C-alpha atoms as a PDB file:
ATOM      1  CA  MET A   1     -19.990 -48.829  -1.320  1.00  0.00           C
ATOM      2  CA  SER A   2     -17.217 -51.395  -1.673  1.00  0.00           C
ATOM      3  CA  ARG A   3     -15.954 -53.307  -4.868  1.00  0.00           C
ATOM      4  CA  VAL A   4     -15.997 -57.004  -5.078  1.00  0.00           C
ATOM      5  CA  ALA A   5     -14.363 -59.144  -7.684  1.00  0.00           C
ATOM      6  CA  LEU A   6     -14.565 -62.919  -9.282  1.00  0.00           C
ATOM      7  CA  VAL A   7     -12.001 -64.720 -10.778  1.00  0.00           C
ATOM      8  CA  GLN A   8     -12.734 -67.049 -13.326  1.00  0.00           C
ATOM      9  CA  MET A   9     -10.085 -69.851 -14.219  1.00  0.00           C
ATOM     10  CA  VAL A  10      -9.454 -73.263 -16.089  1.00  0.00           C
ATOM     11  CA  SER A  11      -7.221 -74.854 -13.631  1.00  0.00           C
ATOM     12  CA  GLY A  12      -5.414 -78.000 -14.244  1.00  0.00           C
ATOM     13  CA  ALA A  13      -3.216 -80.584 -12.748  1.00  0.00           C
ATOM     14  CA  ASP A  14      -0.164 -78.251 -12.434  1.00  0.00           C
ATOM     15  CA  ALA A  15      -0.735 -76.461  -8.713  1.00  0.00           C
ATOM     16  CA  GLY A  16       2.304 -73.959  -9.422  1.00  0.00           C
ATOM     17  CA  ARG A  17       0.709 -72.793 -12.809  1.00  0.00           C
ATOM     18  CA  ASN A  18      -2.644 -72.511 -11.075  1.00  0.00           C
ATOM     19  CA  LEU A  19      -1.624 -70.513  -8.210  1.00  0.00           C
ATOM     20  CA  GLN A  20       0.369 -68.144 -10.867  1.00  0.00           C
ATOM     21  CA  GLN A  21      -2.758 -67.698 -12.919  1.00  0.00           C
ATOM     22  CA  ALA A  22      -4.758 -67.259  -9.543  1.00  0.00           C
ATOM     23  CA  ALA A  23      -2.223 -64.321  -8.552  1.00  0.00           C
ATOM     24  CA  GLU A  24      -2.752 -62.646 -11.780  1.00  0.00           C
ATOM     25  CA  GLY A  25      -6.323 -62.763 -11.198  1.00  0.00           C
ATOM     26  CA  VAL A  26      -5.967 -61.304  -7.683  1.00  0.00           C
ATOM     27  CA  SER A  27      -3.845 -58.692  -9.076  1.00  0.00           C
ATOM     28  CA  LYS A  28      -6.283 -57.482 -11.689  1.00  0.00           C
ATOM     29  CA  ALA A  29      -8.873 -57.585  -9.310  1.00  0.00           C
ATOM     30  CA  LYS A  30      -7.077 -55.078  -7.178  1.00  0.00           C
ATOM     31  CA  SER A  31      -6.308 -52.892  -9.986  1.00  0.00           C
ATOM     32  CA  LEU A  32     -10.063 -52.804 -10.401  1.00  0.00           C
ATOM     33  CA  GLY A  33     -10.540 -51.391  -6.792  1.00  0.00           C
ATOM     34  CA  ALA A  34     -11.851 -54.663  -5.293  1.00  0.00           C
ATOM     35  CA  LYS A  35     -11.567 -55.090  -1.736  1.00  0.00           C
ATOM     36  CA  LEU A  36     -12.256 -58.824  -1.651  1.00  0.00           C
ATOM     37  CA  VAL A  37     -11.728 -61.335  -4.656  1.00  0.00           C
ATOM     38  CA  LEU A  38     -13.366 -64.953  -4.655  1.00  0.00           C
ATOM     39  CA  LEU A  39     -11.353 -67.677  -6.741  1.00  0.00           C
ATOM     40  CA  PRO A  40     -13.423 -70.939  -7.996  1.00  0.00           C
ATOM     41  CA  GLU A  41     -13.655 -74.311  -6.682  1.00  0.00           C
ATOM     42  CA  ASN A  42     -10.495 -76.328  -7.398  1.00  0.00           C
ATOM     43  CA  PHE A  43      -8.781 -73.132  -8.309  1.00  0.00           C
ATOM     44  CA  LEU A  44      -5.249 -74.728  -6.897  1.00  0.00           C
ATOM     45  CA  LEU A  45      -5.626 -78.277  -8.085  1.00  0.00           C
ATOM     46  CA  PHE A  46      -8.333 -80.009 -10.458  1.00  0.00           C
ATOM     47  CA  ASP A  47      -6.865 -82.935 -10.362  1.00  0.00           C
ATOM     48  CA  SER A  48      -9.099 -85.668  -8.220  1.00  0.00           C
ATOM     49  CA  ALA A  49      -6.740 -88.360  -8.578  1.00  0.00           C
ATOM     50  CA  ASN A  50      -3.951 -86.270  -6.604  1.00  0.00           C
ATOM     51  CA  LEU A  51      -5.917 -84.251  -4.616  1.00  0.00           C
ATOM     52  CA  VAL A  52      -5.814 -86.396  -1.538  1.00  0.00           C
ATOM     53  CA  SER A  53      -2.032 -86.737  -1.651  1.00  0.00           C
ATOM     54  CA  PHE A  54      -1.614 -83.131  -2.026  1.00  0.00           C
ATOM     55  CA  ALA A  55      -3.710 -82.279   0.922  1.00  0.00           C
ATOM     56  CA  HIS A  56      -1.592 -84.537   3.054  1.00  0.00           C
ATOM     57  CA  SER A  57       1.585 -83.192   1.943  1.00  0.00           C
ATOM     58  CA  LEU A  58       3.799 -80.344   2.648  1.00  0.00           C
ATOM     59  CA  ARG A  59       2.615 -78.648  -0.645  1.00  0.00           C
ATOM     60  CA  SER A  60      -0.643 -78.130   0.692  1.00  0.00           C
ATOM     61  CA  ALA A  61       1.036 -75.700   3.419  1.00  0.00           C
ATOM     62  CA  ASP A  62       3.263 -74.180   1.086  1.00  0.00           C
ATOM     63  CA  ALA A  63       0.327 -73.141  -1.138  1.00  0.00           C
ATOM     64  CA  PHE A  64      -1.444 -71.559   1.750  1.00  0.00           C
ATOM     65  CA  GLU A  65       1.601 -69.504   2.695  1.00  0.00           C
ATOM     66  CA  ALA A  66       1.797 -68.223  -1.124  1.00  0.00           C
ATOM     67  CA  LEU A  67      -1.820 -67.411  -0.867  1.00  0.00           C
ATOM     68  CA  ALA A  68      -1.430 -65.381   2.451  1.00  0.00           C
ATOM     69  CA  THR A  69       1.527 -64.028   0.879  1.00  0.00           C
ATOM     70  CA  LEU A  70      -0.464 -62.872  -2.038  1.00  0.00           C
ATOM     71  CA  ALA A  71      -3.257 -61.212   0.144  1.00  0.00           C
ATOM     72  CA  ARG A  72      -0.562 -59.205   1.962  1.00  0.00           C
ATOM     73  CA  LYS A  73       1.161 -58.075  -1.233  1.00  0.00           C
ATOM     74  CA  GLU A  74      -1.957 -57.033  -2.915  1.00  0.00           C
ATOM     75  CA  SER A  75      -3.720 -56.052   0.357  1.00  0.00           C
ATOM     76  CA  ILE A  76      -7.117 -57.642  -0.450  1.00  0.00           C
ATOM     77  CA  TRP A  77      -9.177 -59.954   1.019  1.00  0.00           C
ATOM     78  CA  ILE A  78      -9.161 -63.443  -0.782  1.00  0.00           C
ATOM     79  CA  VAL A  79     -11.491 -66.127  -0.628  1.00  0.00           C
ATOM     80  CA  ALA A  80      -9.861 -69.203  -1.788  1.00  0.00           C
ATOM     81  CA  GLY A  81     -12.879 -71.036  -3.306  1.00  0.00           C
ATOM     82  CA  SER A  82     -12.155 -74.580  -2.119  1.00  0.00           C
ATOM     83  CA  PHE A  83      -8.659 -75.805  -1.296  1.00  0.00           C
ATOM     84  CA  PRO A  84      -7.471 -79.321  -0.305  1.00  0.00           C
ATOM     85  CA  ALA A  85      -7.027 -79.806   3.312  1.00  0.00           C
ATOM     86  CA  PRO A  86      -6.325 -83.263   5.072  1.00  0.00           C
ATOM     87  CA  ALA A  87      -9.157 -85.416   6.324  1.00  0.00           C
ATOM     88  CA  THR A  88      -9.480 -88.890   7.977  1.00  0.00           C
ATOM     89  CA  GLN A  89     -10.210 -92.177   6.332  1.00  0.00           C
ATOM     90  CA  GLY A  90      -7.926 -91.048   3.169  1.00  0.00           C
ATOM     91  CA  ARG A  91      -9.921 -88.085   2.115  1.00  0.00           C
ATOM     92  CA  ALA A  92      -9.548 -84.501   1.956  1.00  0.00           C
ATOM     93  CA  TYR A  93     -11.892 -81.664   2.703  1.00  0.00           C
ATOM     94  CA  ALA A  94     -12.860 -79.077   0.089  1.00  0.00           C
ATOM     95  CA  ARG A  95     -12.323 -76.059   2.362  1.00  0.00           C
ATOM     96  CA  SER A  96     -13.084 -72.532   1.336  1.00  0.00           C
ATOM     97  CA  LEU A  97     -10.524 -70.315   2.965  1.00  0.00           C
ATOM     98  CA  VAL A  98     -11.085 -66.254   3.703  1.00  0.00           C
ATOM     99  CA  LEU A  99      -7.618 -64.394   4.227  1.00  0.00           C
ATOM    100  CA  ASN A 100      -7.810 -60.885   5.348  1.00  0.00           C
ATOM    101  CA  ASP A 101      -5.798 -58.172   3.479  1.00  0.00           C
ATOM    102  CA  SER A 102      -2.924 -59.171   6.136  1.00  0.00           C
ATOM    103  CA  GLY A 103      -2.908 -62.646   4.891  1.00  0.00           C
ATOM    104  CA  GLU A 104      -4.553 -64.028   8.050  1.00  0.00           C
ATOM    105  CA  LEU A 105      -7.274 -66.923   8.126  1.00  0.00           C
ATOM    106  CA  VAL A 106     -10.276 -65.468   9.550  1.00  0.00           C
ATOM    107  CA  CYS A 107     -12.877 -67.835   8.547  1.00  0.00           C
ATOM    108  CA  GLN A 108     -13.267 -71.171   6.715  1.00  0.00           C
ATOM    109  CA  TYR A 109     -15.842 -73.738   5.446  1.00  0.00           C
ATOM    110  CA  ASP A 110     -15.793 -77.368   4.441  1.00  0.00           C
ATOM    111  CA  LYS A 111     -18.079 -78.323   1.516  1.00  0.00           C
ATOM    112  CA  ARG A 112     -21.372 -79.947   3.080  1.00  0.00           C
ATOM    113  CA  HIS A 113     -23.045 -81.392  -0.016  1.00  0.00           C
ATOM    114  CA  LEU A 114     -20.982 -83.595  -2.344  1.00  0.00           C
ATOM    115  CA  PHE A 115     -21.661 -84.195  -5.970  1.00  0.00           C
ATOM    116  CA  ASP A 116     -22.225 -87.941  -6.170  1.00  0.00           C
ATOM    117  CA  VAL A 117     -24.131 -87.527  -9.441  1.00  0.00           C
ATOM    118  CA  ASP A 118     -24.672 -89.016 -12.822  1.00  0.00           C
ATOM    119  CA  VAL A 119     -24.515 -86.650 -15.905  1.00  0.00           C
ATOM    120  CA  SER A 120     -25.116 -87.094 -19.431  1.00  0.00           C
ATOM    121  CA  ASP A 121     -21.441 -85.975 -20.435  1.00  0.00           C
ATOM    122  CA  ALA A 122     -18.350 -87.539 -21.456  1.00  0.00           C
ATOM    123  CA  LYS A 123     -17.345 -88.273 -18.047  1.00  0.00           C
ATOM    124  CA  GLY A 124     -20.868 -89.788 -17.403  1.00  0.00           C
ATOM    125  CA  ALA A 125     -20.571 -90.188 -13.368  1.00  0.00           C
ATOM    126  CA  TYR A 126     -19.074 -88.159 -10.473  1.00  0.00           C
ATOM    127  CA  ARG A 127     -18.566 -89.437  -7.069  1.00  0.00           C
ATOM    128  CA  GLU A 128     -16.797 -86.799  -4.954  1.00  0.00           C
ATOM    129  CA  SER A 129     -17.573 -88.807  -1.795  1.00  0.00           C
ATOM    130  CA  SER A 130     -14.789 -90.956  -3.070  1.00  0.00           C
ATOM    131  CA  TRP A 131     -12.062 -88.396  -2.420  1.00  0.00           C
ATOM    132  CA  ILE A 132     -13.596 -85.585  -0.467  1.00  0.00           C
ATOM    133  CA  ALA A 133     -14.837 -85.875   3.370  1.00  0.00           C
ATOM    134  CA  PRO A 134     -18.161 -83.684   3.938  1.00  0.00           C
ATOM    135  CA  GLY A 135     -18.031 -80.861   6.657  1.00  0.00           C
ATOM    136  CA  ASP A 136     -20.886 -80.347   8.886  1.00  0.00           C
ATOM    137  CA  ALA A 137     -20.842 -76.549  10.029  1.00  0.00           C
ATOM    138  CA  LEU A 138     -22.111 -73.526   8.338  1.00  0.00           C
ATOM    139  CA  SER A 139     -20.110 -70.331   8.392  1.00  0.00           C
ATOM    140  CA  VAL A 140     -20.715 -66.681   8.159  1.00  0.00           C
ATOM    141  CA  CYS A 141     -17.830 -64.002   8.316  1.00  0.00           C
ATOM    142  CA  ALA A 142     -17.362 -60.383   8.805  1.00  0.00           C
ATOM    143  CA  THR A 143     -15.447 -58.871   5.952  1.00  0.00           C
ATOM    144  CA  PRO A 144     -15.146 -55.270   4.396  1.00  0.00           C
ATOM    145  CA  LEU A 145     -18.017 -55.530   1.938  1.00  0.00           C
ATOM    146  CA  GLY A 146     -20.477 -57.028   4.615  1.00  0.00           C
ATOM    147  CA  GLN A 147     -21.249 -60.449   6.496  1.00  0.00           C
ATOM    148  CA  LEU A 148     -20.238 -63.414   4.093  1.00  0.00           C
ATOM    149  CA  GLY A 149     -22.034 -66.526   3.918  1.00  0.00           C
ATOM    150  CA  LEU A 150     -19.885 -69.472   2.506  1.00  0.00           C
ATOM    151  CA  SER A 151     -20.856 -72.370   0.264  1.00  0.00           C
ATOM    152  CA  ILE A 152     -19.120 -74.410  -2.497  1.00  0.00           C
ATOM    153  CA  CYS A 153     -20.758 -75.511  -5.885  1.00  0.00           C
ATOM    154  CA  TYR A 154     -23.098 -78.514  -5.319  1.00  0.00           C
ATOM    155  CA  ASP A 155     -24.228 -76.642  -2.109  1.00  0.00           C
ATOM    156  CA  LEU A 156     -26.113 -74.318  -4.736  1.00  0.00           C
ATOM    157  CA  ARG A 157     -28.696 -76.682  -5.222  1.00  0.00           C
ATOM    158  CA  PHE A 158     -29.893 -76.765  -1.425  1.00  0.00           C
ATOM    159  CA  ALA A 159     -31.870 -73.710  -0.794  1.00  0.00           C
ATOM    160  CA  GLN A 160     -31.903 -74.374   3.268  1.00  0.00           C
ATOM    161  CA  HIS A 161     -28.269 -73.894   3.299  1.00  0.00           C
ATOM    162  CA  TYR A 162     -28.402 -70.584   2.167  1.00  0.00           C
ATOM    163  CA  GLN A 163     -31.595 -69.816   4.218  1.00  0.00           C
ATOM    164  CA  ARG A 164     -29.851 -70.730   7.321  1.00  0.00           C
ATOM    165  CA  LEU A 165     -26.724 -68.585   6.225  1.00  0.00           C
ATOM    166  CA  ARG A 166     -29.286 -65.537   5.874  1.00  0.00           C
ATOM    167  CA  ALA A 167     -30.690 -66.380   9.322  1.00  0.00           C
ATOM    168  CA  MET A 168     -26.930 -66.069  10.580  1.00  0.00           C
ATOM    169  CA  GLY A 169     -26.652 -62.463   9.071  1.00  0.00           C
ATOM    170  CA  ALA A 170     -25.225 -63.160   5.832  1.00  0.00           C
ATOM    171  CA  GLN A 171     -25.575 -60.236   3.470  1.00  0.00           C
ATOM    172  CA  LEU A 172     -23.173 -61.696   0.541  1.00  0.00           C
ATOM    173  CA  LEU A 173     -22.999 -65.319  -0.282  1.00  0.00           C
ATOM    174  CA  SER A 174     -19.952 -66.944  -2.077  1.00  0.00           C
ATOM    175  CA  VAL A 175     -20.587 -69.907  -4.646  1.00  0.00           C
ATOM    176  CA  PRO A 176     -16.984 -71.056  -6.030  1.00  0.00           C
ATOM    177  CA  SER A 177     -17.828 -73.805  -8.463  1.00  0.00           C
ATOM    178  CA  ALA A 178     -17.089 -76.112 -11.038  1.00  0.00           C
ATOM    179  CA  PHE A 179     -20.400 -76.946 -12.887  1.00  0.00           C
ATOM    180  CA  THR A 180     -20.265 -79.331 -15.503  1.00  0.00           C
ATOM    181  CA  GLN A 181     -21.180 -77.973 -19.046  1.00  0.00           C
ATOM    182  CA  VAL A 182     -24.222 -80.039 -19.266  1.00  0.00           C
ATOM    183  CA  THR A 183     -25.566 -78.851 -15.457  1.00  0.00           C
ATOM    184  CA  GLY A 184     -24.533 -75.207 -16.017  1.00  0.00           C
ATOM    185  CA  GLU A 185     -26.277 -74.993 -19.181  1.00  0.00           C
ATOM    186  CA  ALA A 186     -29.392 -76.135 -17.652  1.00  0.00           C
ATOM    187  CA  HIS A 187     -29.344 -74.616 -13.947  1.00  0.00           C
ATOM    188  CA  TRP A 188     -26.098 -72.427 -13.098  1.00  0.00           C
ATOM    189  CA  GLU A 189     -28.016 -68.928 -13.706  1.00  0.00           C
ATOM    190  CA  VAL A 190     -31.363 -69.780 -12.569  1.00  0.00           C
ATOM    191  CA  LEU A 191     -29.890 -71.270  -9.242  1.00  0.00           C
ATOM    192  CA  LEU A 192     -27.759 -68.168  -8.750  1.00  0.00           C
ATOM    193  CA  ARG A 193     -30.455 -65.833  -9.164  1.00  0.00           C
ATOM    194  CA  ALA A 194     -32.931 -67.890  -7.081  1.00  0.00           C
ATOM    195  CA  ARG A 195     -30.604 -68.103  -4.079  1.00  0.00           C
ATOM    196  CA  ALA A 196     -30.288 -64.305  -4.262  1.00  0.00           C
ATOM    197  CA  ILE A 197     -33.876 -63.573  -4.315  1.00  0.00           C
ATOM    198  CA  GLU A 198     -34.938 -66.071  -1.869  1.00  0.00           C
ATOM    199  CA  THR A 199     -32.172 -64.771   0.710  1.00  0.00           C
ATOM    200  CA  GLN A 200     -32.161 -60.874  -0.576  1.00  0.00           C
ATOM    201  CA  CYS A 201     -28.254 -61.285  -0.609  1.00  0.00           C
ATOM    202  CA  TYR A 202     -25.619 -60.631  -3.203  1.00  0.00           C
ATOM    203  CA  VAL A 203     -24.590 -63.872  -4.949  1.00  0.00           C
ATOM    204  CA  LEU A 204     -20.824 -64.106  -6.118  1.00  0.00           C
ATOM    205  CA  GLY A 205     -20.711 -67.072  -8.341  1.00  0.00           C
ATOM    206  CA  ALA A 206     -17.026 -67.718  -9.432  1.00  0.00           C
ATOM    207  CA  GLY A 207     -16.756 -70.837 -11.779  1.00  0.00           C
ATOM    208  CA  GLN A 208     -14.270 -72.878 -13.596  1.00  0.00           C
ATOM    209  CA  GLY A 209     -14.924 -72.282 -17.182  1.00  0.00           C
ATOM    210  CA  GLY A 210     -13.217 -74.679 -19.974  1.00  0.00           C
ATOM    211  CA  ASP A 211     -11.559 -77.859 -20.976  1.00  0.00           C
ATOM    212  CA  HIS A 212      -9.572 -79.597 -18.250  1.00  0.00           C
ATOM    213  CA  GLY A 213      -8.926 -82.931 -19.910  1.00  0.00           C
ATOM    214  CA  ASN A 214      -9.825 -86.375 -18.856  1.00  0.00           C
ATOM    215  CA  ASN A 215     -13.256 -85.546 -20.195  1.00  0.00           C
ATOM    216  CA  ARG A 216     -13.886 -82.888 -17.565  1.00  0.00           C
ATOM    217  CA  HIS A 217     -15.368 -79.598 -19.172  1.00  0.00           C
ATOM    218  CA  THR A 218     -16.750 -76.649 -16.974  1.00  0.00           C
ATOM    219  CA  TYR A 219     -19.402 -74.132 -17.680  1.00  0.00           C
ATOM    220  CA  GLY A 220     -17.800 -70.978 -16.696  1.00  0.00           C
ATOM    221  CA  HIS A 221     -20.390 -67.953 -16.914  1.00  0.00           C
ATOM    222  CA  SER A 222     -19.185 -66.736 -13.508  1.00  0.00           C
ATOM    223  CA  MET A 223     -21.622 -63.918 -12.438  1.00  0.00           C
ATOM    224  CA  ILE A 224     -22.473 -61.491  -9.722  1.00  0.00           C
ATOM    225  CA  VAL A 225     -25.898 -61.164  -8.762  1.00  0.00           C
ATOM    226  CA  ASP A 226     -27.723 -58.653  -6.758  1.00  0.00           C
ATOM    227  CA  PRO A 227     -30.259 -58.998  -3.778  1.00  0.00           C
ATOM    228  CA  TRP A 228     -33.258 -58.314  -6.348  1.00  0.00           C
ATOM    229  CA  GLY A 229     -31.827 -61.234  -8.514  1.00  0.00           C
ATOM    230  CA  ARG A 230     -30.228 -58.790 -11.399  1.00  0.00           C
ATOM    231  CA  VAL A 231     -26.901 -60.185 -12.792  1.00  0.00           C
ATOM    232  CA  VAL A 232     -25.158 -57.072 -12.400  1.00  0.00           C
ATOM    233  CA  ALA A 233     -21.616 -58.316 -13.828  1.00  0.00           C
ATOM    234  CA  LYS A 234     -21.081 -61.564 -16.130  1.00  0.00           C
ATOM    235  CA  ALA A 235     -17.573 -63.077 -17.234  1.00  0.00           C
ATOM    236  CA  ASN A 236     -16.982 -64.667 -20.634  1.00  0.00           C
ATOM    237  CA  PRO A 237     -18.639 -67.864 -21.217  1.00  0.00           C
ATOM    238  CA  GLN A 238     -14.977 -69.750 -21.068  1.00  0.00           C
ATOM    239  CA  GLY A 239     -11.376 -69.289 -20.249  1.00  0.00           C
ATOM    240  CA  PHE A 240      -9.818 -66.997 -17.548  1.00  0.00           C
ATOM    241  CA  ASP A 241     -11.827 -63.788 -16.932  1.00  0.00           C
ATOM    242  CA  VAL A 242     -11.854 -61.239 -13.911  1.00  0.00           C
ATOM    243  CA  ILE A 243     -15.331 -59.195 -13.296  1.00  0.00           C
ATOM    244  CA  SER A 244     -16.239 -56.969 -10.494  1.00  0.00           C
ATOM    245  CA  ALA A 245     -18.982 -54.990  -9.221  1.00  0.00           C
ATOM    246  CA  GLU A 246     -19.946 -52.544  -6.489  1.00  0.00           C
ATOM    247  CA  ILE A 247     -21.801 -53.935  -3.251  1.00  0.00           C
ATOM    248  CA  ASP A 248     -24.378 -51.602  -1.833  1.00  0.00           C
ATOM    249  CA  LEU A 249     -25.622 -52.657   1.477  1.00  0.00           C
ATOM    250  CA  ASN A 250     -27.966 -49.735   1.467  1.00  0.00           C
ATOM    251  CA  GLU A 251     -29.806 -50.932  -1.580  1.00  0.00           C
ATOM    252  CA  LEU A 252     -29.881 -54.340   0.185  1.00  0.00           C
ATOM    253  CA  GLN A 253     -31.359 -53.073   3.102  1.00  0.00           C
ATOM    254  CA  ARG A 254     -33.890 -51.304   1.091  1.00  0.00           C
ATOM    255  CA  ILE A 255     -34.885 -54.454  -0.503  1.00  0.00           C
ATOM    256  CA  ARG A 256     -35.346 -56.153   2.578  1.00  0.00           C
ATOM    257  CA  GLU A 257     -37.432 -53.502   4.178  1.00  0.00           C
ATOM    258  CA  GLN A 258     -39.744 -53.462   1.262  1.00  0.00           C
ATOM    259  CA  MET A 259     -40.426 -57.153   1.063  1.00  0.00           C
ATOM    260  CA  PRO A 260     -39.621 -58.256   4.564  1.00  0.00           C
ATOM    261  CA  VAL A 261     -39.631 -62.013   3.849  1.00  0.00           C
ATOM    262  CA  GLU A 262     -37.473 -62.935   6.739  1.00  0.00           C
ATOM    263  CA  GLN A 263     -39.857 -61.652   9.163  1.00  0.00           C
ATOM    264  CA  GLN A 264     -42.750 -63.086   7.516  1.00  0.00           C
ATOM    265  CA  ARG A 265     -41.448 -66.825   7.400  1.00  0.00           C
ATOM    266  CA  ARG A 266     -43.758 -69.480   9.030  1.00  0.00           C
ATOM    267  CA  ASP A 267     -41.271 -72.361   8.773  1.00  0.00           C
END
């Protein structure tokens, strides 16, 4: 068995400060014995007004190098939940990056489903497509813990995304997120557990959790769910936190053999 860790954050508009908090979380994950750690969506910059300009500037390259250095220093795999990367037509990609323990980029994924939704909170409406360009490709990569299928936040509502990742060999699913307080209260845990049960994968839900200013309040409650749908680790409801759990691929295989839903699928 190998240990995974999640970092819950309350990121803001100061990328340097956010990166420092992420580093603290990664260091804590290493001290817990984790071989891989997942950071939440928008961990580096929770500032949609400046996200595009950041992605197209040298600051983005500097932040990536700092992240690679951190992975090498701590000798741990880092899944950078979403990282602003340059796109065309004045937008950016929300890109999940997987760095190995030598700081090398081994896998990436651009968020496919964008959060263009009306929500009954203080902000009222979200139009992520105004500054984020959607990705096209799915991504599964080999890690020390198993085959990791990548996703970001709003993807969680689209079950077929995860079914395709399972078909591609995924054993773990990363869900870095910034669920709103309203949508998180209603759906966060049930969706994470549903995706775990449907795919018989470990689901890693690392969230933002707290008040970010500008009428943005995220739900938190980061958690790790096993392939039977059990919550095996759960963060504090709000604020910075680091949680971890063991990944047991033998238990995963036992569950899949006893209930072979992938072989029995008819669609």
